[in-house]
C-alpha cells in the first residue's frame, strides 16, 4: 500500500474529518446564509413591502458584500482548520490518525480552499437568484416599472435587474480575482498551523504588515523604473500592458499559493515529528 497517498484511506479521512469538522462548518454556513439574506432584505425592504419604484443603484451593495464578507468567511474557515494542533491533547489524537501527512494536508486544502469557496459562492448564488427573481416578477410590468433615459432612449427597469453572476462574468473581468480566494485560504491555513493561539488575529496582522511592505517595494520599484520615461504608442501599449499585468498577477498568485501550501505541508510534517 502506498504510504504517501491511497484513495481509499483518503476517502476515510475525509469522512472522519467531516464528522469532526462538519458540525462547525454547517453552523458557519447557516450564519453566512443569514448574513447574506439580512443584507438583501435590508437593501430591498422598500421594494418588497412599500411599493417603492426600483432604482438602478438598488443592487449596488452586492459586489462589496460578496468580496468583503466572502473574504471574512473563507479566511475564518481556513484559520480554524488546524487550530486544534496548538492544543496538545487534541494534537496527539489528530497526529495518531492512520493517514499520511500528505493526505491530511490534502484534506485541509479540500475543506478550506475548495469546499468553503464553492459553498459560499453557492449560497450567494441561491440567495441572489431568489431575491432578483422576485424583483424581476414585480417589475416586469405595471405601475412600478421605471424607465431611465440614456442618450434619448428609455431603458426599462428589467435591464438593471441582472443576476449577480450574470452581471459579473465575462472576458472583461480582472483575471487575478478568480485565483485570489485560493491564495487567501492558503495564507490563513498556514496561520492556523503556524500560530498556537489567536490564529486569525495574528495571521491578519502578518498579512497587513507584509502587504504594506510589498506594496511599498512595488511602488518604489515602479517609480524608479518609469519616472521620467515617455510612453511610445500608448494606446497599444496600454492594452498589452493590461493583458500582461493580468497574467503576471495570475502567475504570481498561483506561485504564492503553491509556496504557502508547501510551507503548510512542511509545518504539518514537523508537527508529527
Foldseek 3Di string as FASTA:
>chain_A
DDQADDPVLLVVVLVVVCVVCVVVVVVLLVVLLVVLLVVLCVLCVCVVPVVAADDLCSPVVLVVCCVVVLLVSLLVQLLASLLCCLPVVSVVVVLPPSHHLNSVLVSSCCVRVPVRNVSSVVSNQVSLCVSLVVVCVVQVDDDRWDWDADPNDTDIPVVSSDRPVVVPDDPPDQQLVVLVSLLSSLQSNLLSLPDNPPSSVVSVVVCVVVVVVVVVVVVVVCCVVPPPHDDDPVVVVVVVVSVVVSVVSNVVSVVSSVVSSVSSSVSSVVSSD
